[in-house]
Each structure stands twice: as structure tokens, then as C-alpha cells.
Protein backbone atom coordinates (compact mmCIF):
# COMPACT_ATOMS: atom_id res chain seq x y z
CA UNK A 1 0.00 0.00 0.00
CA UNK A 2 1.37 3.38 -1.02
CA UNK A 3 0.75 6.35 1.26
CA UNK A 4 0.15 9.45 -0.85
CA UNK A 5 0.39 11.97 1.96
CA UNK A 6 -2.07 14.20 3.73
CA UNK A 7 -3.07 17.84 3.83
CA UNK A 8 -5.81 20.29 4.69
CA UNK A 9 -8.60 21.86 2.70
CA UNK A 10 -10.15 25.04 4.04
CA UNK A 11 -12.51 27.39 2.26
CA UNK A 12 -16.09 28.51 1.72
CA UNK A 13 -18.69 25.83 1.02
CA UNK A 14 -20.51 26.18 -2.29
CA UNK A 15 -23.60 24.01 -2.63
CA UNK A 16 -24.67 23.13 -6.16
CA UNK A 17 -28.08 21.57 -6.63
CA UNK A 18 -28.48 20.42 -10.22
CA UNK A 19 -30.59 18.12 -12.35
CA UNK A 20 -30.64 17.04 -15.99
CA UNK A 21 -28.23 16.66 -18.89
CA UNK A 22 -28.47 20.37 -19.76
CA UNK A 23 -27.24 21.47 -16.32
CA UNK A 24 -24.36 23.98 -16.52
CA UNK A 25 -23.04 26.99 -14.62
CA UNK A 26 -23.14 30.34 -16.39
CA UNK A 27 -19.80 31.26 -14.78
CA UNK A 28 -17.76 28.18 -13.78
CA UNK A 29 -15.16 30.40 -12.09
CA UNK A 30 -17.41 30.52 -9.02
CA UNK A 31 -16.05 27.02 -8.31
CA UNK A 32 -12.47 28.18 -7.88
CA UNK A 33 -11.07 28.16 -4.37
CA UNK A 34 -14.21 26.63 -2.88
CA UNK A 35 -15.27 23.35 -1.35
CA UNK A 36 -18.14 22.16 -3.55
CA UNK A 37 -21.00 20.01 -2.33
CA UNK A 38 -22.79 18.61 -5.37
CA UNK A 39 -26.37 17.47 -4.89
CA UNK A 40 -27.43 16.21 -8.28
CA UNK A 41 -29.64 13.99 -10.36
CA UNK A 42 -29.13 12.81 -13.96
CA UNK A 43 -25.82 14.66 -14.45
CA UNK A 44 -23.73 11.89 -16.01
CA UNK A 45 -23.36 13.59 -19.41
CA UNK A 46 -24.00 17.17 -18.36
CA UNK A 47 -21.70 20.11 -19.04
CA UNK A 48 -21.63 20.71 -15.29
CA UNK A 49 -19.58 17.53 -14.82
CA UNK A 50 -16.93 18.84 -17.20
CA UNK A 51 -16.95 22.24 -15.52
CA UNK A 52 -16.29 20.58 -12.16
CA UNK A 53 -13.49 18.42 -13.57
CA UNK A 54 -11.75 21.42 -15.12
CA UNK A 55 -12.28 23.81 -12.20
CA UNK A 56 -9.87 24.94 -9.49
CA UNK A 57 -12.23 23.87 -6.74
CA UNK A 58 -10.44 22.81 -3.56
CA UNK A 59 -12.65 19.75 -3.25
CA UNK A 60 -15.74 18.28 -4.89
CA UNK A 61 -18.01 16.25 -2.62
CA UNK A 62 -20.76 14.40 -4.47
CA UNK A 63 -23.75 13.44 -2.34
CA UNK A 64 -24.85 9.81 -2.62
CA UNK A 65 -27.70 8.12 -0.79
CA UNK A 66 -25.45 5.32 0.46
CA UNK A 67 -21.85 4.21 0.16
CA UNK A 68 -21.81 0.45 -0.24
CA UNK A 69 -19.64 -1.68 1.99
CA UNK A 70 -16.42 -2.75 0.32
CA UNK A 71 -15.30 -6.24 1.32
CA UNK A 72 -15.09 -6.52 5.09
CA UNK A 73 -14.09 -2.91 5.64
CA UNK A 74 -16.14 -0.58 7.76
CA UNK A 75 -18.28 1.80 5.74
CA UNK A 76 -16.77 5.27 5.54
CA UNK A 77 -18.52 8.56 4.95
CA UNK A 78 -15.93 9.70 2.45
CA UNK A 79 -14.39 7.63 -0.31
CA UNK A 80 -11.49 9.55 -1.73
CA UNK A 81 -9.70 9.36 -5.03
CA UNK A 82 -5.96 8.80 -5.00
CA UNK A 83 -5.03 12.39 -5.76
CA UNK A 84 -5.00 14.98 -3.02
CA UNK A 85 -7.19 17.38 -4.94
CA UNK A 86 -10.16 15.97 -3.18
CA UNK A 87 -12.90 14.25 -5.14
CA UNK A 88 -15.12 12.23 -2.87
CA UNK A 89 -18.55 10.84 -2.21
CA UNK A 90 -20.44 11.91 0.90
CA UNK A 91 -23.57 10.42 2.45
CA UNK A 92 -26.72 12.44 3.05
CA UNK A 93 -26.26 12.19 6.82
CA UNK A 94 -22.74 13.64 6.65
CA UNK A 95 -23.82 16.28 4.12
CA UNK A 96 -26.58 17.53 6.42
CA UNK A 97 -24.08 17.99 9.25
CA UNK A 98 -21.73 19.80 6.88
CA UNK A 99 -24.52 22.13 5.73
CA UNK A 100 -25.50 22.99 9.30
CA UNK A 101 -21.89 23.74 10.18
CA UNK A 102 -21.63 26.11 7.22
CA UNK A 103 -24.80 27.96 8.25
CA UNK A 104 -27.02 26.49 5.56
CA UNK A 105 -30.30 24.57 5.69
CA UNK A 106 -29.88 20.82 6.00
CA UNK A 107 -32.76 20.40 3.54
CA UNK A 108 -30.40 21.38 0.71
CA UNK A 109 -29.22 17.76 0.81
CA UNK A 110 -32.59 16.63 -0.58
CA UNK A 111 -32.86 15.48 -4.20
CA UNK A 112 -33.41 18.35 -6.67
CA UNK A 113 -36.79 18.08 -8.35
CA UNK A 114 -36.54 20.58 -11.19
CA UNK A 115 -34.14 20.81 -14.12
CA UNK A 116 -31.29 23.29 -14.01
CA UNK A 117 -28.74 24.55 -11.47
CA UNK A 118 -29.07 26.42 -8.16
CA UNK A 119 -26.15 27.53 -5.99
CA UNK A 120 -25.84 28.52 -2.34
CA UNK A 121 -22.72 29.87 -0.63
CA UNK A 122 -22.14 28.94 3.01
CA UNK A 123 -21.66 31.59 5.69
CA UNK A 124 -18.90 29.75 7.58
CA UNK A 125 -15.72 28.29 5.99
CA UNK A 126 -15.32 24.55 6.22
CA UNK A 127 -12.09 22.70 6.97
CA UNK A 128 -11.21 19.11 6.20
CA UNK A 129 -8.17 16.94 6.71
CA UNK A 130 -7.31 14.78 3.73
CA UNK A 131 -5.29 11.58 3.76
CA UNK A 132 -4.71 9.46 0.70
CA UNK A 133 -3.34 6.00 0.08
CA UNK A 134 -3.28 3.63 -2.85
CA UNK A 135 -3.27 -0.14 -2.91
CA UNK A 136 -2.63 -1.89 -6.20
CA UNK A 137 -4.79 -4.94 -6.99
CA UNK A 138 -3.72 -6.97 -9.99
CA UNK A 139 -6.38 -7.92 -12.54
CA UNK A 140 -5.78 -9.30 -16.05
CA UNK A 141 -5.95 -7.75 -19.47
CA UNK A 142 -6.28 -10.59 -22.00
CA UNK A 143 -4.55 -10.03 -25.35
CA UNK A 144 -4.32 -12.03 -28.59
CA UNK A 145 -2.37 -11.26 -31.77
CA UNK A 146 -2.93 -12.17 -35.43
CA UNK A 147 0.11 -11.14 -37.54
CA UNK A 148 -0.63 -9.23 -40.73
CA UNK A 149 0.14 -10.70 -44.15
CA UNK A 150 1.72 -7.59 -45.72
CA UNK A 151 5.42 -7.32 -44.86
CA UNK A 152 5.37 -3.55 -45.38
CA UNK A 153 2.32 -3.02 -43.12
CA UNK A 154 2.39 -5.83 -40.54
CA UNK A 155 4.19 -3.64 -37.98
CA UNK A 156 1.06 -1.46 -37.94
CA UNK A 157 -1.69 -2.59 -35.55
CA UNK A 158 -5.48 -2.47 -35.53
CA UNK A 159 -6.98 -3.28 -32.13
CA UNK A 160 -10.43 -4.70 -31.45
CA UNK A 161 -11.45 -4.48 -27.82
CA UNK A 162 -14.07 -5.15 -25.17
CA UNK A 163 -14.07 -5.12 -21.38
CA UNK A 164 -14.43 -8.27 -19.31
CA UNK A 165 -15.66 -6.87 -16.00
CA UNK A 166 -18.71 -5.30 -14.44
CA UNK A 167 -19.30 -3.79 -10.99
CA UNK A 168 -20.28 -7.01 -9.25
CA UNK A 169 -22.30 -6.48 -6.10
CA UNK A 170 -22.65 -3.15 -4.31
CA UNK A 171 -24.74 -3.30 -1.19
CA UNK A 172 -27.89 -5.18 -2.16
CA UNK A 173 -27.66 -4.30 -5.84
CA UNK A 174 -26.20 -6.87 -8.24
CA UNK A 175 -24.75 -5.64 -11.53
CA UNK A 176 -25.36 -8.46 -14.00
CA UNK A 177 -22.70 -8.42 -16.69
CA UNK A 178 -24.29 -10.43 -19.51
CA UNK A 179 -25.09 -7.32 -21.54
CA UNK A 180 -22.33 -5.07 -20.19
CA UNK A 181 -20.01 -6.48 -21.27
CA UNK A 182 -20.29 -10.25 -21.58
CA UNK A 183 -21.90 -9.52 -24.94
CA UNK A 184 -18.93 -7.46 -26.14
CA UNK A 185 -16.46 -10.06 -24.87
CA UNK A 186 -18.36 -12.77 -26.77
CA UNK A 187 -18.39 -10.62 -29.91
CA UNK A 188 -14.64 -10.07 -29.53
CA UNK A 189 -13.98 -13.83 -29.36
CA UNK A 190 -16.26 -14.50 -32.33
CA UNK A 191 -14.58 -11.79 -34.40
CA UNK A 192 -11.09 -13.03 -33.50
CA UNK A 193 -12.10 -16.57 -34.50
CA UNK A 194 -13.50 -15.35 -37.82
CA UNK A 195 -10.30 -13.45 -38.66
CA UNK A 196 -8.10 -16.41 -37.62
CA UNK A 197 -10.10 -18.90 -39.74
CA UNK A 198 -10.24 -16.67 -42.81
CA UNK A 199 -7.89 -17.84 -45.57
CA UNK A 200 -6.95 -14.22 -46.30
CA UNK A 201 -5.50 -12.41 -43.33
CA UNK A 202 -5.67 -8.63 -42.99
CA UNK A 203 -2.66 -6.71 -44.26
CA UNK A 204 -2.02 -5.16 -40.85
CA UNK A 205 -1.59 -7.04 -37.57
CA UNK A 206 -4.81 -7.53 -35.62
CA UNK A 207 -4.68 -7.33 -31.82
CA UNK A 208 -7.64 -8.43 -29.71
CA UNK A 209 -7.78 -6.98 -26.19
CA UNK A 210 -10.23 -7.71 -23.38
CA UNK A 211 -9.44 -5.14 -20.70
CA UNK A 212 -10.33 -5.33 -17.01
CA UNK A 213 -11.24 -2.68 -14.46
CA UNK A 214 -13.06 -0.50 -16.99
CA UNK A 215 -16.18 -0.03 -14.87
CA UNK A 216 -13.97 1.15 -12.00
CA UNK A 217 -12.56 3.98 -14.11
CA UNK A 218 -11.04 2.73 -17.39
CA UNK A 219 -8.20 1.10 -15.44
CA UNK A 220 -7.35 -1.69 -17.87
CA UNK A 221 -7.25 0.48 -20.97
CA UNK A 222 -5.28 3.18 -19.13
CA UNK A 223 -2.71 0.58 -18.09
CA UNK A 224 -2.37 -0.67 -21.66
CA UNK A 225 -1.84 2.85 -23.02
CA UNK A 226 0.86 3.43 -20.40
CA UNK A 227 2.44 -0.02 -20.97
CA UNK A 228 1.64 -0.88 -24.60
CA UNK A 229 2.72 -4.22 -26.03
CA UNK A 230 2.74 -2.64 -29.49
CA UNK A 231 3.93 0.94 -30.13
CA UNK A 232 1.12 3.49 -29.84
CA UNK A 233 2.49 5.38 -32.84
CA UNK A 234 2.07 2.19 -34.89
CA UNK A 235 -1.50 1.62 -33.68
CA UNK A 236 -3.75 2.74 -36.52
CA UNK A 237 -7.12 2.34 -34.76
CA UNK A 238 -8.86 0.79 -31.77
CA UNK A 239 -12.49 -0.25 -32.11
CA UNK A 240 -14.27 -1.01 -28.84
CA UNK A 241 -17.34 -3.24 -28.61
CA UNK A 242 -19.77 -2.86 -25.74
CA UNK A 243 -23.28 -4.20 -25.12
CA UNK A 244 -23.60 -5.98 -28.46
CA UNK A 245 -26.73 -7.69 -29.75
CA UNK A 246 -29.46 -6.31 -27.53
CA UNK A 247 -32.24 -4.14 -28.91
CA UNK A 248 -32.63 -1.27 -26.45
CA UNK A 249 -35.95 -0.99 -24.68
CA UNK A 250 -36.48 2.29 -22.85
CA UNK A 251 -40.18 3.21 -22.99
CA UNK A 252 -41.81 5.59 -23.60
CA UNK A 253 -38.94 7.07 -25.65
CA UNK A 254 -37.46 3.95 -27.23
CA UNK A 255 -38.80 0.45 -27.87
CA UNK A 256 -36.88 -2.70 -28.73
CA UNK A 257 -38.83 -3.20 -31.96
CA UNK A 258 -37.55 0.20 -33.15
CA UNK A 259 -33.90 -0.79 -32.63
CA UNK A 260 -33.56 -3.92 -34.74
CA UNK A 261 -30.25 -3.93 -36.68
CA UNK A 262 -29.23 -0.67 -35.02
CA UNK A 263 -25.71 0.23 -33.89
CA UNK A 264 -24.65 3.14 -31.71
CA UNK A 265 -21.50 4.67 -33.18
CA UNK A 266 -19.57 6.49 -30.46
CA UNK A 267 -16.55 8.54 -31.43
CA UNK A 268 -16.38 7.97 -35.18
CA UNK A 269 -17.34 11.58 -35.90
CA UNK A 270 -15.40 12.96 -32.95
CA UNK A 271 -12.09 11.20 -33.56
CA UNK A 272 -11.75 10.67 -37.29
CA UNK A 273 -14.01 11.56 -40.17
CA UNK A 274 -11.91 9.21 -42.32
CA UNK A 275 -12.84 6.32 -40.00
CA UNK A 276 -16.46 7.46 -40.12
CA UNK A 277 -16.51 7.37 -43.93
CA UNK A 278 -14.91 3.89 -43.95
CA UNK A 279 -17.65 2.62 -41.61
CA UNK A 280 -20.37 4.07 -43.83
CA UNK A 281 -18.74 2.50 -46.90
CA UNK A 282 -18.54 -0.96 -45.27
CA UNK A 283 -22.18 -0.67 -44.25
CA UNK A 284 -23.23 -0.86 -47.91
CA UNK A 285 -22.98 -4.65 -47.49
CA UNK A 286 -24.77 -4.88 -44.14
CA UNK A 287 -27.43 -2.13 -44.02
CA UNK A 288 -27.22 -1.35 -40.30
CA UNK A 289 -28.98 1.74 -39.01
CA UNK A 290 -26.57 3.98 -37.09
CA UNK A 291 -27.35 6.25 -34.16
CA UNK A 292 -24.95 8.87 -32.81
CA UNK A 293 -26.82 9.79 -29.65
CA UNK A 294 -24.00 8.71 -27.32
CA UNK A 295 -21.35 10.99 -28.86
CA UNK A 296 -21.66 13.30 -25.84
CA UNK A 297 -19.52 10.94 -23.74
CA UNK A 298 -16.53 12.78 -25.28
CA UNK A 299 -17.67 16.14 -23.95
């Protein structure tokens, strides 16, 4: 276990109550130099999340209704990231005490009901001691290689990937991984088998990677990028497969019958228009319907 050190955070408490994907601050500089308590709902792809990540806030405390027990360890009120710029989760009980200490109404810890953003600045500065440590747990990335047939191009690599983990059990909630991402892992194996059995191999080398720890924060893919088995500068593309083969059913907006032969393309327009055009050209033979509604994960 690596001790990362400790320090203090002291500053005014800024409470942000926000809801919805359109939530954003008009002036994100109000975050700077403040301890932020975020009470939110439906903010996963909101601009507010990016504003918080890019801010100079002293700490960002995100209110959660419960912090699940981890192994046999005693439940803590704060779960901290490994860096000392504090990003943590805080329970409603602890948040209410924090609000009272800062001279604000404890009811601000309640779930926001309306869309948008409201802010409240505490009357009394808050002070917290921060201690950080890191413990490395080893989990596998699984990698296979199919050498390319073209001597002039085989040192270039095209990667196909999936992730082989899910979140397991948190408290009483079980995260079943068949769809996310047992389906992608199965598709990866099937694709690798098809390439290996084909009499004509691709000109470039194909690498098949099933990464682990993705649901915990893209840990497996981050490790590979930092410790690549094949040079990054020789890696032409990486195509990731996730949640393959299930027609989405999200009434009343989206029904499974409306999503037959539909693929969500994420990143093709953001990262490379050349890649996007290649995908559209290949689709002449398959006739999939593409949706781009998840592109916002990049912003």
C-alpha cells in the first residue's frame, strides 16, 4: 500500500443543486477556491460535470444516498480518489451535518426536483483533513495477436477491444454483466475466431484486447496505453465493442422493436471523419442503421 500523503482543505462551502443533462453553470469560475457540495440527479453527461473536472475547486463532494460496503471494511462517509485534490462521495447524513456547520439549511441535501442549477454559498468556511493512500490490486488484461500478411504493413496494428468486467455487487444491488459487457467479450472472441479462420489475413496485424477494471474507471485500458505491447504510434485504430446484440428498450422514448439492426457509433465523428466514412462505406454490405446519440460521452 502506497501512502500518498495528507493535507488540509479550508474554504467557503458552495452548494450546487443540479438536475438534468443540460445542467451547466453560467460562470464556472465561481467554483475556484471553494469546497463544492454537489447534490445532483441525472448529471452523467452534463456540461456541469466537465466544468467541475476542469475547475480549481479545492474539493468536490458528491452526495450519494449510500456508500456500499467494500469487502469486510467498515463503511466510511468519504471515499477519496488517489489524488490529493479531493474528489469524494459523501452520504446524506454527513452532508446535512456539513450544511449545518456552514450555516445552511440541511434540507439542501434533498434530491433536486426541477431541471437546471441552483447555488448557495455557506456563511462559515469549512475545513477538512485529507489523507490518501493507494493499494494496487492486480487484474488481467487478455490479449491475442494475429500477424498481418503484408510485410510492409504488418508492424502497424489495428486493435479490437471489449471489457471483461462489471461492478459485481454493491450493497444489495447486483450488476449483472451479460449485456455489459459479456456480450462485447463474446463478440470479440467470435470476431477473433473469424479473422483467424479466414484464408486471407488482414494486411495489418490484428490485436484483440479484453481489458479489465473499466467499470472502475477505465483502469485496464489506461494501463495498456501506459504499458503498450505494441507501439502506440504504430497503432492505426482501436475499435471497442460494448453491449452488443441487444435491442434497447427504454419506454416511452425507445422500444426494442424500433432498434432492430441498429448500432450506436460512439466517437467515429469525434475522432476521425476518415474512419467514419470507412464505416459508412462498409455498411453498404450490411445495411445497419446507425445512431450517434451517445457521442456526448466525449464532452
